[in-house]
Amino acid sequence: MVLRVSKSKAGGRVGIPPSKSHTIRALFFASLAGGISTIEELLISEDALSAMETCRALGAEVSLEGRSCTVRGHGGRPKVPDDVINVGNSGTTLRFGVAASALGTGWTVFTGDRQIRSRQLGPLLEALNNLGASAFSTRGNGLAPVVVKGRMKGGKTDLDSITSQYLSALLIHAPLLDGNTHIAVTRLNEVPYVDMTLWWLDRLGIRYENDNYGRFTLYGGQKYPAFNMRIPGDFSSATFLAVLAAVSGGEFVLENLDMSDPQGDKEVFRMLEKMGALVEYGEDYITVRGRGLEGQVLDLNSTPDALPAMAVAGCFAEGETRLVNVPQARIKETDRIHVMCTELAKMGAEIYELPDGLVIRRSRLKGCRLNGHHDHRVVMALALAGLNADGETAIDTAEAINVTFPDFVEILQRSGACIDMVKEV
């Protein structure tokens, strides 16, 4: 599919879809629990459905009706799946699923789409082996397909958590082991996503120790209770509309957002304020109004998913914008540093790569044909650029937006944007 975008104004009041990160965590915690949990207002997207199918394959009973689901958990004793588990494009599901299967006693095989099969798992596999499981990559390169056999026992392991998902996977599953688990973290990116996992552990009454994110102790022999949860709005999805308002001089009122939630991407609103946007915080909404932006140095280590959209913001800010300290953006669905540099340069952006980020100077963008690289956040960010560029922009692999934000095009159309999804011709 191709996204066709023309320069246009958009704005208005928008309900932000539910959080992908909370949705996937809720599904896994409910699957690990005993009894029946209820999850309300969960995200319905390709990544969320991949998580749901993975939890089912490991023995949870998951029933979906509208945006609500009930989950009868397996109590931390997953079954051996009937077939290979395909996680699609969901990296979070892969990392969490691999750790979940290490609680079982049989062999489980995981694979995914082309992008998933290029995303590193080595440090997590090593940690699972150190804790008593047997986990290996079929190609011996730390990439999916991977095979896992439990049962993990606990013990000690070092962990290079270049993505927070490695550490979160262990934090979620280690409390269910027979023994205690001690994790020495040699590197940790994306701390707010770990905070979100710890928020869940606190909510569910799990005992652990956190020594300034450098060492964790998870006490074994614990159980997860069933729970009821309403999924809050997704700050990562809200980022795109907030940036659109900021660069276009428009205004969006973004509903279903709670600044007390642990999601890291809420920091994007502070970044846009720093650049000069007007931001007003309500009880359950945030209003963003654009005016002239000024380039800034922005540390994105805690908010790597914001890099594509903030790269676009940099194109419309006076002076120079530097997005730094985010090397893990190179190991997402794509190398987002390189991809955003390449695609925005096609539009005329003055942009170049750093090892850990991007440098962007104010640029006059022109519409052209762009490659979305099958990456949902890249496609949506390039759409923002196209809505503020001269002429028409066409972005291929646009169906990737269904991974996290299926209503993206419809919401923008209702808000006045000239944007449409068409079949490739």
Protein backbone atom coordinates (compact mmCIF):
# COMPACT_ATOMS: atom_id res chain seq x y z
CA MET A 1 0.00 0.00 0.00
CA VAL A 2 1.04 3.59 -0.64
CA LEU A 3 0.30 6.63 1.51
CA ARG A 4 -0.36 9.71 -0.62
CA VAL A 5 0.07 12.98 1.27
CA SER A 6 -0.23 16.64 0.25
CA LYS A 7 0.50 19.84 2.14
CA SER A 8 -2.49 20.65 4.33
CA LYS A 9 -3.57 21.85 7.75
CA ALA A 10 -4.92 19.47 10.35
CA GLY A 11 -6.15 19.87 13.89
CA GLY A 12 -8.95 19.24 16.33
CA ARG A 13 -9.83 16.93 19.20
CA VAL A 14 -8.54 13.35 18.94
CA GLY A 15 -8.87 10.32 21.21
CA ILE A 16 -5.46 8.64 21.42
CA PRO A 17 -5.52 4.84 20.97
CA PRO A 18 -4.54 2.53 23.85
CA SER A 19 -0.92 1.90 24.74
CA LYS A 20 0.81 -0.90 22.88
CA SER A 21 3.38 -1.38 25.65
CA HIS A 22 0.74 -1.65 28.37
CA THR A 23 -1.45 -3.91 26.21
CA ILE A 24 1.32 -6.44 25.61
CA ARG A 25 2.39 -6.40 29.26
CA ALA A 26 -1.21 -6.85 30.39
CA LEU A 27 -1.63 -9.89 28.14
CA PHE A 28 1.55 -11.55 29.40
CA PHE A 29 0.91 -10.80 33.08
CA ALA A 30 -2.66 -12.10 32.76
CA SER A 31 -1.38 -15.25 31.05
CA LEU A 32 1.10 -15.86 33.87
CA ALA A 33 -1.53 -15.32 36.57
CA GLY A 34 -3.88 -17.81 38.14
CA GLY A 35 -7.59 -17.24 37.56
CA ILE A 36 -9.34 -14.91 35.11
CA SER A 37 -8.17 -11.38 34.36
CA THR A 38 -10.09 -8.71 32.46
CA ILE A 39 -8.39 -6.16 30.21
CA GLU A 40 -10.50 -3.23 29.02
CA GLU A 41 -9.78 -0.82 26.15
CA LEU A 42 -6.76 -2.73 24.91
CA LEU A 43 -5.09 -1.85 21.63
CA ILE A 44 -6.28 -3.82 18.61
CA SER A 45 -3.30 -3.81 16.24
CA GLU A 46 -1.03 -6.33 14.57
CA ASP A 47 1.50 -6.27 17.42
CA ALA A 48 -1.21 -6.69 20.04
CA LEU A 49 -2.78 -9.57 18.14
CA SER A 50 0.64 -11.23 17.84
CA ALA A 51 1.00 -11.01 21.62
CA MET A 52 -2.47 -12.45 22.07
CA GLU A 53 -1.74 -15.41 19.78
CA THR A 54 1.58 -16.07 21.51
CA CYS A 55 -0.09 -16.15 24.92
CA ARG A 56 -2.69 -18.57 23.55
CA ALA A 57 0.00 -20.80 22.06
CA LEU A 58 1.67 -21.00 25.49
CA GLY A 59 -1.54 -22.16 27.16
CA ALA A 60 -3.55 -19.10 28.21
CA GLU A 61 -7.22 -18.91 27.27
CA VAL A 62 -7.79 -15.50 25.68
CA SER A 63 -11.24 -14.30 24.61
CA LEU A 64 -11.62 -11.00 22.75
CA GLU A 65 -14.85 -9.03 22.38
CA GLY A 66 -14.53 -5.56 20.93
CA ARG A 67 -11.80 -3.78 22.88
CA SER A 68 -12.17 -6.01 25.93
CA CYS A 69 -10.68 -9.40 26.61
CA THR A 70 -10.64 -11.98 29.35
CA VAL A 71 -7.61 -14.14 30.03
CA ARG A 72 -7.56 -17.38 32.00
CA GLY A 73 -3.90 -17.73 32.90
CA HIS A 74 -1.76 -20.85 33.08
CA GLY A 75 -0.32 -19.87 36.46
CA GLY A 76 3.28 -19.69 35.28
CA ARG A 77 3.30 -23.20 33.82
CA PRO A 78 3.08 -22.70 30.04
CA LYS A 79 2.37 -25.64 27.78
CA VAL A 80 4.51 -26.80 24.89
CA PRO A 81 2.98 -25.17 21.80
CA ASP A 82 1.45 -27.29 19.07
CA ASP A 83 3.45 -25.46 16.39
CA VAL A 84 6.17 -22.87 15.84
CA ILE A 85 5.19 -19.50 17.31
CA ASN A 86 5.32 -16.71 14.73
CA VAL A 87 5.35 -13.29 16.43
CA GLY A 88 4.93 -11.36 13.18
CA ASN A 89 6.60 -7.96 13.56
CA SER A 90 6.41 -7.69 17.35
CA GLY A 91 9.80 -7.46 19.01
CA THR A 92 8.30 -7.08 22.48
CA THR A 93 6.25 -10.25 21.98
CA LEU A 94 9.33 -12.16 20.86
CA ARG A 95 11.44 -11.13 23.87
CA PHE A 96 8.62 -11.71 26.39
CA GLY A 97 7.52 -14.94 24.71
CA VAL A 98 11.01 -16.42 24.75
CA ALA A 99 11.28 -15.77 28.49
CA ALA A 100 7.77 -17.13 29.12
CA SER A 101 8.55 -20.37 27.31
CA ALA A 102 11.59 -20.84 29.56
CA LEU A 103 9.12 -21.41 32.41
CA GLY A 104 7.90 -24.58 30.69
CA THR A 105 9.51 -27.98 30.41
CA GLY A 106 9.43 -28.67 26.67
CA TRP A 107 10.92 -27.18 23.51
CA THR A 108 9.40 -24.04 21.97
CA VAL A 109 10.39 -22.52 18.62
CA PHE A 110 9.94 -18.81 17.81
CA THR A 111 10.20 -16.99 14.52
CA GLY A 112 8.78 -13.83 12.93
CA ASP A 113 8.80 -11.72 9.79
CA ARG A 114 11.91 -10.59 7.92
CA GLN A 115 12.54 -7.67 10.27
CA ILE A 116 12.12 -9.80 13.41
CA ARG A 117 14.62 -12.32 12.05
CA SER A 118 17.22 -9.53 11.93
CA ARG A 119 16.73 -8.22 15.49
CA GLN A 120 19.30 -9.28 18.07
CA LEU A 121 18.38 -11.68 20.89
CA GLY A 122 21.82 -12.86 21.91
CA PRO A 123 22.13 -11.19 25.35
CA LEU A 124 18.67 -12.45 26.40
CA LEU A 125 19.40 -16.01 25.23
CA GLU A 126 22.67 -15.95 27.17
CA ALA A 127 20.89 -14.79 30.31
CA LEU A 128 18.24 -17.50 30.01
CA ASN A 129 20.97 -20.12 29.70
CA ASN A 130 22.73 -18.72 32.76
CA LEU A 131 19.48 -19.07 34.72
CA GLY A 132 19.01 -22.75 33.86
CA ALA A 133 17.13 -22.78 30.57
CA SER A 134 18.41 -24.04 27.23
CA ALA A 135 18.06 -21.36 24.54
CA PHE A 136 19.78 -21.02 21.18
CA SER A 137 19.49 -19.46 17.76
CA THR A 138 19.02 -21.98 14.95
CA ARG A 139 21.53 -20.05 12.82
CA GLY A 140 23.97 -19.53 15.69
CA ASN A 141 23.87 -15.75 15.25
CA GLY A 142 21.66 -14.64 18.13
CA LEU A 143 18.71 -14.03 15.80
CA ALA A 144 15.36 -15.74 15.35
CA PRO A 145 14.42 -18.46 14.70
CA VAL A 146 15.25 -19.45 18.29
CA VAL A 147 14.56 -22.56 20.31
CA VAL A 148 13.94 -22.50 24.07
CA LYS A 149 13.54 -25.24 26.69
CA GLY A 150 12.91 -24.77 30.40
CA ARG A 151 12.52 -24.89 33.16
CA MET A 152 14.61 -21.96 34.35
CA LYS A 153 15.66 -22.27 37.97
CA GLY A 154 17.03 -18.85 38.89
CA GLY A 155 20.55 -17.91 39.92
CA LYS A 156 22.87 -15.15 38.71
CA THR A 157 23.39 -13.55 35.32
CA ASP A 158 24.88 -10.49 33.73
CA LEU A 159 22.74 -8.71 31.14
CA ASP A 160 23.66 -6.27 28.38
CA SER A 161 20.23 -4.65 27.96
CA ILE A 162 20.84 -2.56 24.86
CA THR A 163 17.06 -2.76 24.54
CA SER A 164 14.98 -2.54 27.69
CA GLN A 165 12.92 -5.50 26.48
CA TYR A 166 15.67 -7.92 27.56
CA LEU A 167 15.54 -6.74 31.16
CA SER A 168 11.75 -6.46 31.20
CA ALA A 169 11.46 -10.04 29.95
CA LEU A 170 13.51 -11.28 32.91
CA LEU A 171 11.80 -9.03 35.45
CA ILE A 172 8.37 -10.30 34.40
CA HIS A 173 9.17 -14.01 34.53
CA ALA A 174 11.88 -14.45 37.18
CA PRO A 175 9.51 -14.06 40.19
CA LEU A 176 7.80 -17.31 39.12
CA LEU A 177 11.00 -19.37 39.31
CA ASP A 178 11.72 -21.69 42.22
CA GLY A 179 14.87 -19.82 43.26
CA ASN A 180 15.91 -16.21 43.54
CA THR A 181 17.32 -14.40 40.51
CA HIS A 182 20.13 -11.86 40.60
CA ILE A 183 20.69 -9.70 37.50
CA ALA A 184 23.75 -7.49 37.05
CA VAL A 185 22.92 -4.97 34.32
CA THR A 186 26.04 -4.00 32.38
CA ARG A 187 24.18 -1.55 30.10
CA LEU A 188 20.61 -0.30 30.11
CA ASN A 189 18.82 1.83 27.53
CA GLU A 190 15.19 3.00 27.64
CA VAL A 191 14.84 3.15 31.43
CA PRO A 192 11.18 4.34 31.35
CA TYR A 193 10.12 1.05 29.76
CA VAL A 194 11.73 -0.79 32.67
CA ASP A 195 9.89 1.59 35.01
CA MET A 196 6.66 0.55 33.31
CA THR A 197 7.46 -3.11 33.98
CA LEU A 198 8.29 -2.30 37.61
CA TRP A 199 5.00 -0.39 37.87
CA TRP A 200 3.24 -3.62 36.93
CA LEU A 201 5.28 -5.65 39.44
CA ASP A 202 4.36 -3.17 42.19
CA ARG A 203 0.71 -3.24 41.16
CA LEU A 204 0.64 -7.05 41.35
CA GLY A 205 2.44 -7.27 44.70
CA ILE A 206 5.76 -8.75 43.54
CA ARG A 207 8.80 -8.54 45.84
CA TYR A 208 12.08 -7.41 44.28
CA GLU A 209 15.08 -5.19 44.91
CA ASN A 210 16.35 -2.54 42.50
CA ASP A 211 19.84 -1.17 43.18
CA ASN A 212 19.78 1.95 40.99
CA TYR A 213 19.05 -0.11 37.85
CA GLY A 214 22.50 -1.74 38.07
CA ARG A 215 21.45 -4.83 40.02
CA PHE A 216 18.09 -6.48 40.49
CA THR A 217 17.04 -9.25 42.81
CA LEU A 218 13.78 -11.06 42.03
CA TYR A 219 12.58 -13.33 44.82
CA GLY A 220 11.43 -16.72 43.59
CA GLY A 221 8.36 -18.75 44.44
CA GLN A 222 5.90 -15.90 43.85
CA LYS A 223 2.61 -15.94 41.95
CA TYR A 224 0.69 -13.38 39.93
CA PRO A 225 -2.90 -12.68 40.95
CA ALA A 226 -5.67 -12.18 38.41
CA PHE A 227 -6.49 -8.50 37.85
CA ASN A 228 -8.72 -6.02 36.05
CA MET A 229 -7.05 -3.28 34.00
CA ARG A 230 -8.09 -0.48 31.66
CA ILE A 231 -5.32 0.33 29.20
CA PRO A 232 -4.37 4.04 29.08
CA GLY A 233 -3.66 6.04 25.93
CA ASP A 234 -0.41 5.56 24.03
CA PHE A 235 2.09 8.42 24.29
CA SER A 236 4.13 6.90 21.44
CA SER A 237 1.15 7.23 19.09
CA ALA A 238 0.33 10.69 20.47
CA THR A 239 3.85 11.79 19.50
CA PHE A 240 2.95 11.95 15.81
CA LEU A 241 -0.03 14.25 16.28
CA ALA A 242 1.84 16.40 18.77
CA VAL A 243 4.72 16.88 16.33
CA LEU A 244 2.28 17.60 13.50
CA ALA A 245 0.70 20.42 15.50
CA ALA A 246 4.11 21.78 16.52
CA VAL A 247 5.58 21.97 13.01
CA SER A 248 2.44 23.10 11.17
CA GLY A 249 1.25 25.86 13.48
CA GLY A 250 -1.97 23.93 14.06
CA GLU A 251 -3.58 22.69 17.25
CA PHE A 252 -4.54 19.24 18.51
CA VAL A 253 -6.32 18.38 21.73
CA LEU A 254 -5.13 14.87 22.49
CA GLU A 255 -7.49 12.99 24.79
CA ASN A 256 -6.97 9.81 26.83
CA LEU A 257 -3.49 10.82 28.04
CA ASP A 258 -2.40 10.68 31.68
CA MET A 259 0.91 12.33 32.55
CA SER A 260 1.13 10.24 35.74
CA ASP A 261 1.44 7.06 33.64
CA PRO A 262 5.00 5.60 33.51
CA GLN A 263 5.25 5.68 29.69
CA GLY A 264 8.53 7.28 28.67
CA ASP A 265 7.30 8.98 25.51
CA LYS A 266 5.31 11.51 27.54
CA GLU A 267 8.68 13.32 27.65
CA VAL A 268 8.15 14.24 23.98
CA PHE A 269 5.74 16.95 25.11
CA ARG A 270 8.49 18.49 27.27
CA MET A 271 10.84 18.36 24.27
CA LEU A 272 8.34 20.16 22.06
CA GLU A 273 7.86 22.79 24.78
CA LYS A 274 11.64 23.24 24.90
CA MET A 275 11.61 23.79 21.14
CA GLY A 276 8.90 26.45 21.47
CA ALA A 277 5.52 24.71 21.06
CA LEU A 278 2.67 25.69 23.38
CA VAL A 279 1.60 22.72 25.50
CA GLU A 280 -1.27 22.68 28.00
CA TYR A 281 -1.79 19.73 30.35
CA GLY A 282 -5.31 18.81 31.39
CA GLU A 283 -6.52 16.05 33.68
CA ASP A 284 -6.91 13.54 30.83
CA TYR A 285 -5.84 15.50 27.76
CA ILE A 286 -2.92 17.50 26.39
CA THR A 287 -3.25 20.42 23.97
CA VAL A 288 -0.39 21.15 21.58
CA ARG A 289 -0.31 24.38 19.57
CA GLY A 290 2.38 25.10 17.05
CA ARG A 291 4.40 28.26 16.69
CA GLY A 292 7.98 28.91 15.62
CA LEU A 293 10.30 26.13 16.77
CA GLU A 294 13.95 26.49 17.75
CA GLY A 295 16.49 23.69 17.31
CA GLN A 296 17.69 21.97 20.48
CA VAL A 297 19.96 19.16 21.64
CA LEU A 298 17.60 16.34 22.67
CA ASP A 299 18.66 13.18 24.50
CA LEU A 300 16.42 10.37 23.19
CA ASN A 301 17.89 7.45 25.13
CA SER A 302 14.68 7.04 27.11
CA THR A 303 12.43 7.75 24.10
CA PRO A 304 13.91 5.94 21.07
CA ASP A 305 10.54 5.49 19.38
CA ALA A 306 10.27 9.27 19.12
CA LEU A 307 13.32 9.59 16.86
CA PRO A 308 11.49 9.39 13.50
CA ALA A 309 8.92 12.06 14.42
CA MET A 310 11.45 14.31 16.15
CA ALA A 311 13.70 14.12 13.09
CA VAL A 312 10.81 15.66 11.15
CA ALA A 313 10.39 18.33 13.83
CA GLY A 314 14.04 19.22 13.38
CA CYS A 315 13.44 20.00 9.70
CA PHE A 316 11.06 22.81 10.69
CA ALA A 317 13.02 24.26 13.62
CA GLU A 318 15.28 27.28 13.27
CA GLY A 319 18.95 26.50 13.53
CA GLU A 320 20.21 23.03 14.35
CA THR A 321 18.54 20.11 16.12
CA ARG A 322 20.64 17.25 17.47
CA LEU A 323 19.03 13.95 18.46
CA VAL A 324 21.63 12.14 20.55
CA ASN A 325 22.40 9.18 22.85
CA VAL A 326 20.01 6.81 21.10
CA PRO A 327 22.19 4.07 19.50
CA GLN A 328 19.44 1.50 20.07
CA ALA A 329 17.37 3.26 17.39
CA ARG A 330 19.56 1.36 14.93
CA ILE A 331 18.20 -2.01 16.11
CA LYS A 332 14.47 -1.36 15.97
CA GLU A 333 12.30 -2.54 13.07
CA THR A 334 14.89 -0.81 10.91
CA ASP A 335 18.03 1.20 11.49
CA ARG A 336 15.86 4.25 12.09
CA ILE A 337 18.80 6.64 12.27
CA HIS A 338 19.97 5.68 8.79
CA VAL A 339 16.50 5.30 7.31
CA MET A 340 15.23 8.69 8.48
CA CYS A 341 18.42 10.36 7.28
CA THR A 342 18.10 8.73 3.86
CA GLU A 343 14.40 9.41 3.33
CA LEU A 344 14.32 13.00 4.63
CA ALA A 345 17.37 13.78 2.50
CA LYS A 346 15.35 12.74 -0.55
CA MET A 347 12.91 15.52 0.38
CA GLY A 348 15.71 18.07 0.57
CA ALA A 349 16.46 17.95 4.29
CA GLU A 350 19.87 19.03 5.51
CA ILE A 351 20.52 16.04 7.73
CA TYR A 352 23.36 13.72 8.62
CA GLU A 353 24.00 10.76 10.87
CA LEU A 354 25.85 10.48 14.13
CA PRO A 355 26.80 7.05 15.53
CA ASP A 356 24.06 7.54 18.13
CA GLY A 357 21.64 9.95 16.46
CA LEU A 358 21.00 12.67 13.90
CA VAL A 359 21.82 16.29 13.20
CA ILE A 360 19.12 18.23 11.32
CA ARG A 361 19.02 21.83 10.14
CA ARG A 362 15.97 23.79 9.09
CA SER A 363 15.03 22.70 5.57
CA ARG A 364 12.43 23.36 2.90
CA LEU A 365 11.02 19.95 2.09
CA LYS A 366 9.63 18.91 -1.27
CA GLY A 367 7.29 15.99 -1.81
CA CYS A 368 8.64 12.93 -3.60
CA ARG A 369 8.49 9.13 -3.61
CA LEU A 370 9.69 7.65 -0.30
CA ASN A 371 10.37 4.19 1.08
CA GLY A 372 8.66 3.43 4.39
CA HIS A 373 10.92 0.38 4.88
CA HIS A 374 8.01 -1.64 6.34
CA ASP A 375 8.47 0.35 9.58
CA HIS A 376 5.29 1.79 11.11
CA ARG A 377 6.99 4.70 12.87
CA VAL A 378 9.02 5.61 9.80
CA VAL A 379 5.90 5.63 7.60
CA MET A 380 3.97 7.84 10.02
CA ALA A 381 6.89 10.23 10.49
CA LEU A 382 7.33 10.62 6.74
CA ALA A 383 3.60 11.33 6.48
CA LEU A 384 4.12 14.28 8.86
CA ALA A 385 6.91 15.54 6.62
CA GLY A 386 4.68 15.18 3.55
CA LEU A 387 1.84 17.13 5.16
CA ASN A 388 4.23 20.08 5.51
CA ALA A 389 6.19 19.73 2.25
CA ASP A 390 5.59 21.34 -1.14
CA GLY A 391 3.85 19.05 -3.64
CA GLU A 392 2.75 15.45 -3.15
CA THR A 393 4.55 12.76 -1.18
CA ALA A 394 4.04 9.02 -1.78
CA ILE A 395 5.22 6.59 0.91
CA ASP A 396 5.31 2.87 0.15
CA THR A 397 4.91 -0.08 2.58
CA ALA A 398 2.32 2.10 4.30
CA GLU A 399 0.37 -0.91 5.58
CA ALA A 400 3.04 -1.10 8.31
CA ILE A 401 1.09 1.48 10.33
CA ASN A 402 -1.33 -1.32 11.29
CA VAL A 403 1.36 -2.64 13.63
CA THR A 404 0.54 0.01 16.25
CA PHE A 405 -1.80 2.75 14.95
CA PRO A 406 -4.41 1.32 12.53
CA ASP A 407 -6.58 4.48 12.75
CA PHE A 408 -3.76 6.88 11.87
CA VAL A 409 -4.96 7.73 8.36
CA GLU A 410 -8.64 7.96 9.31
CA ILE A 411 -7.88 10.26 12.25
CA LEU A 412 -5.83 12.59 10.08
CA GLN A 413 -8.50 12.63 7.37
CA ARG A 414 -11.14 13.62 9.94
CA SER A 415 -8.76 16.31 11.18
CA GLY A 416 -8.52 17.93 7.74
CA ALA A 417 -5.31 16.42 6.36
CA CYS A 418 -4.91 15.52 2.70
CA ILE A 419 -3.86 11.92 3.16
CA ASP A 420 -5.05 8.65 1.67
CA MET A 421 -4.02 4.99 1.61
CA VAL A 422 -4.12 3.50 -1.91
CA LYS A 423 -3.06 0.25 -3.49
CA GLU A 424 0.28 0.12 -5.21
CA VAL A 425 -0.01 0.67 -8.97
